[in-house]
Amino acid sequence: MIKMGITPHLLFLDESNWFTYIEKGEELPMKGKSKQFRYDKNLISVGLAVSEDNVPFMHETYEGNTQRPERYSQDCWTRSQNG
């Protein structure tokens, strides 16, 4: 985005997870703590960073049984510095 002339001065980070009906054969869906209290379903987690103008800057999708705010925040910082 920086190469395209979009330089965010501020990034907002949101991490969340959703339950899914996928039960077998995939790497991402995993059992975990569901905000919807659907502990019987697999989860997929997503982190999204947007600029102050609500332009999506980056995202990451990962296993539903993990929370990685420190790593995701560091990824956002590294990518914003490297362009």
C-alpha atoms as a PDB file:
ATOM      1  CA  MET A   1       0.000   0.000   0.000  1.00  0.00           C
ATOM      2  CA  ILE A   2       2.858   2.350   0.757  1.00  0.00           C
ATOM      3  CA  LYS A   3       4.169   1.787  -2.774  1.00  0.00           C
ATOM      4  CA  MET A   4       0.732   2.893  -4.016  1.00  0.00           C
ATOM      5  CA  GLY A   5       0.963   6.147  -2.063  1.00  0.00           C
ATOM      6  CA  ILE A   6      -1.221   5.093   0.857  1.00  0.00           C
ATOM      7  CA  THR A   7       0.673   5.667   4.088  1.00  0.00           C
ATOM      8  CA  PRO A   8      -1.390   4.997   7.202  1.00  0.00           C
ATOM      9  CA  HIS A   9      -0.429   7.004  10.264  1.00  0.00           C
ATOM     10  CA  LEU A  10      -2.540   4.889  12.562  1.00  0.00           C
ATOM     11  CA  LEU A  11      -3.641   1.256  12.381  1.00  0.00           C
ATOM     12  CA  PHE A  12      -6.591  -0.264  14.195  1.00  0.00           C
ATOM     13  CA  LEU A  13      -6.270  -3.960  14.936  1.00  0.00           C
ATOM     14  CA  ASP A  14      -9.178  -6.330  15.439  1.00  0.00           C
ATOM     15  CA  GLU A  15      -8.844 -10.032  16.097  1.00  0.00           C
ATOM     16  CA  SER A  16     -11.846 -12.265  16.202  1.00  0.00           C
ATOM     17  CA  ASN A  17     -12.950 -15.827  15.585  1.00  0.00           C
ATOM     18  CA  TRP A  18     -15.976 -17.469  14.046  1.00  0.00           C
ATOM     19  CA  PHE A  19     -17.364 -20.937  14.352  1.00  0.00           C
ATOM     20  CA  THR A  20     -17.625 -23.036  11.240  1.00  0.00           C
ATOM     21  CA  TYR A  21     -19.365 -26.223  10.231  1.00  0.00           C
ATOM     22  CA  ILE A  22     -16.129 -27.630   8.748  1.00  0.00           C
ATOM     23  CA  GLU A  23     -15.350 -30.726  10.779  1.00  0.00           C
ATOM     24  CA  LYS A  24     -12.584 -32.651   8.978  1.00  0.00           C
ATOM     25  CA  GLY A  25      -9.814 -32.405   6.448  1.00  0.00           C
ATOM     26  CA  GLU A  26      -8.770 -28.792   6.928  1.00  0.00           C
ATOM     27  CA  GLU A  27      -5.837 -27.235   8.797  1.00  0.00           C
ATOM     28  CA  LEU A  28      -7.351 -23.974  10.042  1.00  0.00           C
ATOM     29  CA  PRO A  29     -10.571 -24.967  11.823  1.00  0.00           C
ATOM     30  CA  MET A  30      -9.808 -26.042  15.395  1.00  0.00           C
ATOM     31  CA  LYS A  31     -11.766 -26.382  18.619  1.00  0.00           C
ATOM     32  CA  GLY A  32     -11.365 -23.365  20.880  1.00  0.00           C
ATOM     33  CA  LYS A  33     -13.146 -20.793  23.043  1.00  0.00           C
ATOM     34  CA  SER A  34     -16.078 -19.501  21.003  1.00  0.00           C
ATOM     35  CA  LYS A  35     -17.555 -16.045  21.618  1.00  0.00           C
ATOM     36  CA  GLN A  36     -20.861 -17.458  20.378  1.00  0.00           C
ATOM     37  CA  PHE A  37     -20.631 -20.272  22.971  1.00  0.00           C
ATOM     38  CA  ARG A  38     -20.499 -22.885  20.197  1.00  0.00           C
ATOM     39  CA  TYR A  39     -17.877 -25.077  21.830  1.00  0.00           C
ATOM     40  CA  ASP A  40     -19.068 -28.016  19.732  1.00  0.00           C
ATOM     41  CA  LYS A  41     -17.937 -26.327  16.483  1.00  0.00           C
ATOM     42  CA  ASN A  42     -14.507 -25.603  15.052  1.00  0.00           C
ATOM     43  CA  LEU A  43     -13.242 -22.022  14.956  1.00  0.00           C
ATOM     44  CA  ILE A  44     -11.281 -19.940  12.469  1.00  0.00           C
ATOM     45  CA  SER A  45      -9.483 -16.829  13.743  1.00  0.00           C
ATOM     46  CA  VAL A  46      -8.875 -13.670  11.728  1.00  0.00           C
ATOM     47  CA  GLY A  47      -6.842 -10.566  12.466  1.00  0.00           C
ATOM     48  CA  LEU A  48      -7.557  -7.384  10.470  1.00  0.00           C
ATOM     49  CA  ALA A  49      -5.673  -4.084  10.516  1.00  0.00           C
ATOM     50  CA  VAL A  50      -7.295  -0.992   8.985  1.00  0.00           C
ATOM     51  CA  SER A  51      -6.039   2.569   8.619  1.00  0.00           C
ATOM     52  CA  GLU A  52      -7.643   5.638  10.153  1.00  0.00           C
ATOM     53  CA  ASP A  53      -9.545   6.000   6.854  1.00  0.00           C
ATOM     54  CA  ASN A  54     -10.966   2.452   7.191  1.00  0.00           C
ATOM     55  CA  VAL A  55      -8.754   1.122   4.407  1.00  0.00           C
ATOM     56  CA  PRO A  56      -7.780  -2.516   5.082  1.00  0.00           C
ATOM     57  CA  PHE A  57      -4.009  -2.671   5.476  1.00  0.00           C
ATOM     58  CA  MET A  58      -3.411  -6.355   6.169  1.00  0.00           C
ATOM     59  CA  HIS A  59      -5.049  -9.483   7.493  1.00  0.00           C
ATOM     60  CA  GLU A  60      -4.070 -12.895   8.768  1.00  0.00           C
ATOM     61  CA  THR A  61      -6.139 -16.041   9.082  1.00  0.00           C
ATOM     62  CA  TYR A  62      -5.026 -18.686  11.544  1.00  0.00           C
ATOM     63  CA  GLU A  63      -6.131 -21.642  13.630  1.00  0.00           C
ATOM     64  CA  GLY A  64      -9.193 -21.144  15.775  1.00  0.00           C
ATOM     65  CA  ASN A  65      -7.614 -22.465  18.952  1.00  0.00           C
ATOM     66  CA  THR A  66      -4.886 -19.800  19.120  1.00  0.00           C
ATOM     67  CA  GLN A  67      -4.683 -16.117  19.903  1.00  0.00           C
ATOM     68  CA  ARG A  68      -1.622 -14.340  18.609  1.00  0.00           C
ATOM     69  CA  PRO A  69      -1.980 -10.605  19.294  1.00  0.00           C
ATOM     70  CA  GLU A  70       1.724 -10.016  19.955  1.00  0.00           C
ATOM     71  CA  ARG A  71       2.837 -11.733  16.759  1.00  0.00           C
ATOM     72  CA  TYR A  72       0.108 -10.114  14.663  1.00  0.00           C
ATOM     73  CA  SER A  73       0.919  -6.655  16.047  1.00  0.00           C
ATOM     74  CA  GLN A  74       4.607  -7.214  15.250  1.00  0.00           C
ATOM     75  CA  ASP A  75       3.685  -8.354  11.703  1.00  0.00           C
ATOM     76  CA  CYS A  76       1.669  -5.169  11.197  1.00  0.00           C
ATOM     77  CA  TRP A  77       4.563  -3.033  12.415  1.00  0.00           C
ATOM     78  CA  THR A  78       7.131  -4.837  10.258  1.00  0.00           C
ATOM     79  CA  ARG A  79       4.999  -4.615   7.121  1.00  0.00           C
ATOM     80  CA  SER A  80       4.230  -0.940   7.684  1.00  0.00           C
ATOM     81  CA  GLN A  81       7.947  -0.162   8.011  1.00  0.00           C
ATOM     82  CA  ASN A  82       9.025  -2.236   5.005  1.00  0.00           C
ATOM     83  CA  GLY A  83       6.318  -1.082   2.636  1.00  0.00           C
END
